[in-house]
Amino acid sequence: MNDTKSQLATSNDELEIRKLIEQWAKAVREENRAGIRADHDPGILMFDVPAPFLSRGLDGYLSTWE
């Protein structure tokens, strides 16, 4: 891939990632559980700083929001 195509792909990827983060942050602010889980894989394995330190699966992840 030439440099221009590579830069465009990186720019597009970055825009998509920023969009996902912005949508997730908006859902968090609005306490919109459906929006929070919208782009997470059902088999998510998440490690976090506040307890619980580990949650398995989307339901386990969402239970940390209670």
PDB file of N, CA and C in Angstrom:
ATOM      1  N   MET A   1       0.858  -1.171   0.000  1.00  0.00           N
ATOM      2  CA  MET A   1       0.000   0.000   0.000  1.00  0.00           C
ATOM      3  C   MET A   1       0.905   1.235   0.000  1.00  0.00           C
ATOM      4  N   ASN A   2       0.552   2.209  -0.804  1.00  0.00           N
ATOM      5  CA  ASN A   2       1.380   3.417  -0.793  1.00  0.00           C
ATOM      6  C   ASN A   2       1.047   4.266   0.420  1.00  0.00           C
ATOM      7  N   ASP A   3       1.886   5.263   0.675  1.00  0.00           N
ATOM      8  CA  ASP A   3       1.735   6.082   1.883  1.00  0.00           C
ATOM      9  C   ASP A   3       0.399   6.801   1.947  1.00  0.00           C
ATOM     10  N   THR A   4      -0.086   7.310   0.808  1.00  0.00           N
ATOM     11  CA  THR A   4      -1.355   8.040   0.795  1.00  0.00           C
ATOM     12  C   THR A   4      -2.509   7.121   1.159  1.00  0.00           C
ATOM     13  N   LYS A   5      -2.552   5.930   0.580  1.00  0.00           N
ATOM     14  CA  LYS A   5      -3.624   4.977   0.898  1.00  0.00           C
ATOM     15  C   LYS A   5      -3.533   4.538   2.353  1.00  0.00           C
ATOM     16  N   SER A   6      -2.322   4.337   2.830  1.00  0.00           N
ATOM     17  CA  SER A   6      -2.130   3.929   4.218  1.00  0.00           C
ATOM     18  C   SER A   6      -2.611   5.021   5.166  1.00  0.00           C
ATOM     19  N   GLN A   7      -2.288   6.274   4.861  1.00  0.00           N
ATOM     20  CA  GLN A   7      -2.720   7.389   5.699  1.00  0.00           C
ATOM     21  C   GLN A   7      -4.234   7.532   5.684  1.00  0.00           C
ATOM     22  N   LEU A   8      -4.853   7.341   4.518  1.00  0.00           N
ATOM     23  CA  LEU A   8      -6.314   7.429   4.426  1.00  0.00           C
ATOM     24  C   LEU A   8      -6.972   6.324   5.238  1.00  0.00           C
ATOM     25  N   ALA A   9      -6.435   5.103   5.141  1.00  0.00           N
ATOM     26  CA  ALA A   9      -6.992   3.988   5.906  1.00  0.00           C
ATOM     27  C   ALA A   9      -6.874   4.268   7.402  1.00  0.00           C
ATOM     28  N   THR A  10      -5.714   4.786   7.825  1.00  0.00           N
ATOM     29  CA  THR A  10      -5.522   5.116   9.234  1.00  0.00           C
ATOM     30  C   THR A  10      -6.489   6.203   9.664  1.00  0.00           C
ATOM     31  N   SER A  11      -6.660   7.213   8.829  1.00  0.00           N
ATOM     32  CA  SER A  11      -7.582   8.302   9.159  1.00  0.00           C
ATOM     33  C   SER A  11      -9.005   7.792   9.283  1.00  0.00           C
ATOM     34  N   ASN A  12      -9.435   6.931   8.350  1.00  0.00           N
ATOM     35  CA  ASN A  12     -10.781   6.372   8.404  1.00  0.00           C
ATOM     36  C   ASN A  12     -10.957   5.493   9.639  1.00  0.00           C
ATOM     37  N   ASP A  13      -9.964   4.675   9.934  1.00  0.00           N
ATOM     38  CA  ASP A  13     -10.026   3.824  11.130  1.00  0.00           C
ATOM     39  C   ASP A  13     -10.138   4.686  12.383  1.00  0.00           C
ATOM     40  N   GLU A  14      -9.330   5.740  12.436  1.00  0.00           N
ATOM     41  CA  GLU A  14      -9.357   6.621  13.598  1.00  0.00           C
ATOM     42  C   GLU A  14     -10.723   7.289  13.748  1.00  0.00           C
ATOM     43  N   LEU A  15     -11.308   7.722  12.645  1.00  0.00           N
ATOM     44  CA  LEU A  15     -12.629   8.346  12.697  1.00  0.00           C
ATOM     45  C   LEU A  15     -13.683   7.363  13.193  1.00  0.00           C
ATOM     46  N   GLU A  16     -13.611   6.121  12.722  1.00  0.00           N
ATOM     47  CA  GLU A  16     -14.578   5.101  13.158  1.00  0.00           C
ATOM     48  C   GLU A  16     -14.429   4.817  14.652  1.00  0.00           C
ATOM     49  N   ILE A  17     -13.187   4.726  15.116  1.00  0.00           N
ATOM     50  CA  ILE A  17     -12.944   4.462  16.537  1.00  0.00           C
ATOM     51  C   ILE A  17     -13.436   5.627  17.385  1.00  0.00           C
ATOM     52  N   ARG A  18     -13.144   6.852  16.957  1.00  0.00           N
ATOM     53  CA  ARG A  18     -13.614   8.037  17.695  1.00  0.00           C
ATOM     54  C   ARG A  18     -15.141   8.065  17.763  1.00  0.00           C
ATOM     55  N   LYS A  19     -15.800   7.704  16.658  1.00  0.00           N
ATOM     56  CA  LYS A  19     -17.259   7.678  16.620  1.00  0.00           C
ATOM     57  C   LYS A  19     -17.801   6.667  17.633  1.00  0.00           C
ATOM     58  N   LEU A  20     -17.204   5.472  17.682  1.00  0.00           N
ATOM     59  CA  LEU A  20     -17.637   4.449  18.644  1.00  0.00           C
ATOM     60  C   LEU A  20     -17.468   4.939  20.081  1.00  0.00           C
ATOM     61  N   ILE A  21     -16.329   5.564  20.366  1.00  0.00           N
ATOM     62  CA  ILE A  21     -16.080   6.057  21.723  1.00  0.00           C
ATOM     63  C   ILE A  21     -17.072   7.154  22.087  1.00  0.00           C
ATOM     64  N   GLU A  22     -17.332   8.057  21.166  1.00  0.00           N
ATOM     65  CA  GLU A  22     -18.283   9.144  21.427  1.00  0.00           C
ATOM     66  C   GLU A  22     -19.694   8.607  21.669  1.00  0.00           C
ATOM     67  N   GLN A  23     -20.104   7.607  20.877  1.00  0.00           N
ATOM     68  CA  GLN A  23     -21.431   7.007  21.064  1.00  0.00           C
ATOM     69  C   GLN A  23     -21.514   6.327  22.422  1.00  0.00           C
ATOM     70  N   TRP A  24     -20.455   5.597  22.792  1.00  0.00           N
ATOM     71  CA  TRP A  24     -20.444   4.896  24.076  1.00  0.00           C
ATOM     72  C   TRP A  24     -20.481   5.897  25.232  1.00  0.00           C
ATOM     73  N   ALA A  25     -19.664   6.963  25.144  1.00  0.00           N
ATOM     74  CA  ALA A  25     -19.622   7.966  26.207  1.00  0.00           C
ATOM     75  C   ALA A  25     -20.980   8.650  26.363  1.00  0.00           C
ATOM     76  N   LYS A  26     -21.644   8.924  25.265  1.00  0.00           N
ATOM     77  CA  LYS A  26     -22.976   9.535  25.311  1.00  0.00           C
ATOM     78  C   LYS A  26     -23.958   8.595  26.013  1.00  0.00           C
ATOM     79  N   ALA A  27     -23.879   7.316  25.677  1.00  0.00           N
ATOM     80  CA  ALA A  27     -24.760   6.324  26.310  1.00  0.00           C
ATOM     81  C   ALA A  27     -24.491   6.252  27.813  1.00  0.00           C
ATOM     82  N   VAL A  28     -23.226   6.328  28.217  1.00  0.00           N
ATOM     83  CA  VAL A  28     -22.877   6.307  29.638  1.00  0.00           C
ATOM     84  C   VAL A  28     -23.464   7.525  30.342  1.00  0.00           C
ATOM     85  N   ARG A  29     -23.282   8.702  29.755  1.00  0.00           N
ATOM     86  CA  ARG A  29     -23.821   9.928  30.367  1.00  0.00           C
ATOM     87  C   ARG A  29     -25.334   9.860  30.523  1.00  0.00           C
ATOM     88  N   GLU A  30     -26.004   9.244  29.548  1.00  0.00           N
ATOM     89  CA  GLU A  30     -27.470   9.148  29.566  1.00  0.00           C
ATOM     90  C   GLU A  30     -27.974   7.920  30.303  1.00  0.00           C
ATOM     91  N   GLU A  31     -27.035   7.108  30.836  1.00  0.00           N
ATOM     92  CA  GLU A  31     -27.374   5.846  31.503  1.00  0.00           C
ATOM     93  C   GLU A  31     -28.234   4.962  30.609  1.00  0.00           C
ATOM     94  N   ASN A  32     -27.901   4.949  29.337  1.00  0.00           N
ATOM     95  CA  ASN A  32     -28.601   4.173  28.317  1.00  0.00           C
ATOM     96  C   ASN A  32     -27.934   2.805  28.200  1.00  0.00           C
ATOM     97  N   ARG A  33     -28.469   1.815  28.912  1.00  0.00           N
ATOM     98  CA  ARG A  33     -27.855   0.477  28.948  1.00  0.00           C
ATOM     99  C   ARG A  33     -27.759  -0.163  27.565  1.00  0.00           C
ATOM    100  N   ALA A  34     -28.780   0.010  26.741  1.00  0.00           N
ATOM    101  CA  ALA A  34     -28.742  -0.559  25.386  1.00  0.00           C
ATOM    102  C   ALA A  34     -27.615   0.088  24.581  1.00  0.00           C
ATOM    103  N   GLY A  35     -27.436   1.383  24.736  1.00  0.00           N
ATOM    104  CA  GLY A  35     -26.362   2.078  24.035  1.00  0.00           C
ATOM    105  C   GLY A  35     -24.990   1.681  24.549  1.00  0.00           C
ATOM    106  N   ILE A  36     -24.880   1.432  25.844  1.00  0.00           N
ATOM    107  CA  ILE A  36     -23.610   1.022  26.447  1.00  0.00           C
ATOM    108  C   ILE A  36     -23.177  -0.327  25.876  1.00  0.00           C
ATOM    109  N   ARG A  37     -24.100  -1.231  25.702  1.00  0.00           N
ATOM    110  CA  ARG A  37     -23.748  -2.570  25.244  1.00  0.00           C
ATOM    111  C   ARG A  37     -23.760  -2.723  23.734  1.00  0.00           C
ATOM    112  N   ALA A  38     -24.181  -1.705  23.011  1.00  0.00           N
ATOM    113  CA  ALA A  38     -24.426  -1.801  21.568  1.00  0.00           C
ATOM    114  C   ALA A  38     -23.259  -2.375  20.764  1.00  0.00           C
ATOM    115  N   ASP A  39     -22.058  -1.978  21.033  1.00  0.00           N
ATOM    116  CA  ASP A  39     -20.930  -2.406  20.200  1.00  0.00           C
ATOM    117  C   ASP A  39     -19.968  -3.337  20.919  1.00  0.00           C
ATOM    118  N   HIS A  40     -20.431  -3.942  22.013  1.00  0.00           N
ATOM    119  CA  HIS A  40     -19.597  -4.899  22.741  1.00  0.00           C
ATOM    120  C   HIS A  40     -19.904  -6.317  22.265  1.00  0.00           C
ATOM    121  N   ASP A  41     -18.876  -7.130  22.198  1.00  0.00           N
ATOM    122  CA  ASP A  41     -19.032  -8.535  21.855  1.00  0.00           C
ATOM    123  C   ASP A  41     -19.704  -9.255  23.019  1.00  0.00           C
ATOM    124  N   PRO A  42     -20.643 -10.172  22.747  1.00  0.00           N
ATOM    125  CA  PRO A  42     -21.318 -10.894  23.838  1.00  0.00           C
ATOM    126  C   PRO A  42     -20.343 -11.667  24.734  1.00  0.00           C
ATOM    127  N   GLY A  43     -19.186 -12.044  24.213  1.00  0.00           N
ATOM    128  CA  GLY A  43     -18.216 -12.802  24.994  1.00  0.00           C
ATOM    129  C   GLY A  43     -17.138 -11.939  25.619  1.00  0.00           C
ATOM    130  N   ILE A  44     -17.434 -10.675  25.839  1.00  0.00           N
ATOM    131  CA  ILE A  44     -16.444  -9.735  26.376  1.00  0.00           C
ATOM    132  C   ILE A  44     -15.807 -10.278  27.650  1.00  0.00           C
ATOM    133  N   LEU A  45     -14.502 -10.087  27.775  1.00  0.00           N
ATOM    134  CA  LEU A  45     -13.777 -10.372  29.008  1.00  0.00           C
ATOM    135  C   LEU A  45     -13.099  -9.053  29.365  1.00  0.00           C
ATOM    136  N   MET A  46     -13.522  -8.454  30.465  1.00  0.00           N
ATOM    137  CA  MET A  46     -13.056  -7.123  30.794  1.00  0.00           C
ATOM    138  C   MET A  46     -12.373  -7.122  32.152  1.00  0.00           C
ATOM    139  N   PHE A  47     -11.224  -6.471  32.201  1.00  0.00           N
ATOM    140  CA  PHE A  47     -10.527  -6.239  33.455  1.00  0.00           C
ATOM    141  C   PHE A  47     -10.662  -4.756  33.745  1.00  0.00           C
ATOM    142  N   ASP A  48     -10.958  -4.416  34.996  1.00  0.00           N
ATOM    143  CA  ASP A  48     -11.224  -3.033  35.342  1.00  0.00           C
ATOM    144  C   ASP A  48     -10.474  -2.647  36.606  1.00  0.00           C
ATOM    145  N   VAL A  49     -10.408  -1.359  36.871  1.00  0.00           N
ATOM    146  CA  VAL A  49      -9.726  -0.863  38.067  1.00  0.00           C
ATOM    147  C   VAL A  49     -10.625  -0.974  39.290  1.00  0.00           C
ATOM    148  N   PRO A  50     -11.868  -0.432  39.255  1.00  0.00           N
ATOM    149  CA  PRO A  50     -12.728  -0.601  40.432  1.00  0.00           C
ATOM    150  C   PRO A  50     -13.320  -2.009  40.483  1.00  0.00           C
ATOM    151  N   ALA A  51     -13.575  -2.490  41.677  1.00  0.00           N
ATOM    152  CA  ALA A  51     -14.188  -3.829  41.814  1.00  0.00           C
ATOM    153  C   ALA A  51     -15.555  -3.849  41.151  1.00  0.00           C
ATOM    154  N   PRO A  52     -15.991  -4.953  40.564  1.00  0.00           N
ATOM    155  CA  PRO A  52     -15.227  -6.184  40.417  1.00  0.00           C
ATOM    156  C   PRO A  52     -14.141  -6.020  39.354  1.00  0.00           C
ATOM    157  N   PHE A  53     -13.014  -6.641  39.611  1.00  0.00           N
ATOM    158  CA  PHE A  53     -11.870  -6.473  38.728  1.00  0.00           C
ATOM    159  C   PHE A  53     -11.978  -7.281  37.444  1.00  0.00           C
ATOM    160  N   LEU A  54     -12.873  -8.249  37.418  1.00  0.00           N
ATOM    161  CA  LEU A  54     -13.045  -9.107  36.247  1.00  0.00           C
ATOM    162  C   LEU A  54     -14.525  -9.356  36.037  1.00  0.00           C
ATOM    163  N   SER A  55     -14.981  -9.227  34.802  1.00  0.00           N
ATOM    164  CA  SER A  55     -16.356  -9.623  34.481  1.00  0.00           C
ATOM    165  C   SER A  55     -16.313 -10.421  33.195  1.00  0.00           C
ATOM    166  N   ARG A  56     -17.167 -11.437  33.120  1.00  0.00           N
ATOM    167  CA  ARG A  56     -17.214 -12.305  31.943  1.00  0.00           C
ATOM    168  C   ARG A  56     -18.557 -12.163  31.258  1.00  0.00           C
ATOM    169  N   GLY A  57     -18.523 -12.000  29.959  1.00  0.00           N
ATOM    170  CA  GLY A  57     -19.740 -11.916  29.169  1.00  0.00           C
ATOM    171  C   GLY A  57     -20.403 -10.549  29.280  1.00  0.00           C
ATOM    172  N   LEU A  58     -21.277 -10.294  28.340  1.00  0.00           N
ATOM    173  CA  LEU A  58     -21.945  -8.998  28.275  1.00  0.00           C
ATOM    174  C   LEU A  58     -22.833  -8.755  29.486  1.00  0.00           C
ATOM    175  N   ASP A  59     -23.517  -9.788  29.959  1.00  0.00           N
ATOM    176  CA  ASP A  59     -24.363  -9.614  31.147  1.00  0.00           C
ATOM    177  C   ASP A  59     -23.515  -9.297  32.383  1.00  0.00           C
ATOM    178  N   GLY A  60     -22.366  -9.960  32.517  1.00  0.00           N
ATOM    179  CA  GLY A  60     -21.465  -9.668  33.622  1.00  0.00           C
ATOM    180  C   GLY A  60     -20.931  -8.249  33.557  1.00  0.00           C
ATOM    181  N   TYR A  61     -20.592  -7.814  32.353  1.00  0.00           N
ATOM    182  CA  TYR A  61     -20.125  -6.444  32.149  1.00  0.00           C
ATOM    183  C   TYR A  61     -21.211  -5.448  32.533  1.00  0.00           C
ATOM    184  N   LEU A  62     -22.439  -5.688  32.078  1.00  0.00           N
ATOM    185  CA  LEU A  62     -23.530  -4.753  32.383  1.00  0.00           C
ATOM    186  C   LEU A  62     -23.868  -4.748  33.857  1.00  0.00           C
ATOM    187  N   SER A  63     -23.663  -5.851  34.548  1.00  0.00           N
ATOM    188  CA  SER A  63     -23.971  -5.881  35.985  1.00  0.00           C
ATOM    189  C   SER A  63     -23.052  -4.942  36.758  1.00  0.00           C
ATOM    190  N   THR A  64     -21.882  -4.604  36.186  1.00  0.00           N
ATOM    191  CA  THR A  64     -20.988  -3.674  36.868  1.00  0.00           C
ATOM    192  C   THR A  64     -21.501  -2.247  36.818  1.00  0.00           C
ATOM    193  N   TRP A  65     -22.506  -1.992  36.018  1.00  0.00           N
ATOM    194  CA  TRP A  65     -23.079  -0.651  35.885  1.00  0.00           C
ATOM    195  C   TRP A  65     -24.190  -0.394  36.900  1.00  0.00           C
ATOM    196  N   GLU A  66     -24.578  -1.410  37.641  1.00  0.00           N
ATOM    197  CA  GLU A  66     -25.658  -1.242  38.625  1.00  0.00           C
ATOM    198  C   GLU A  66     -25.187  -0.479  39.831  1.00  0.00           C
TER     199      GLU A  66
END
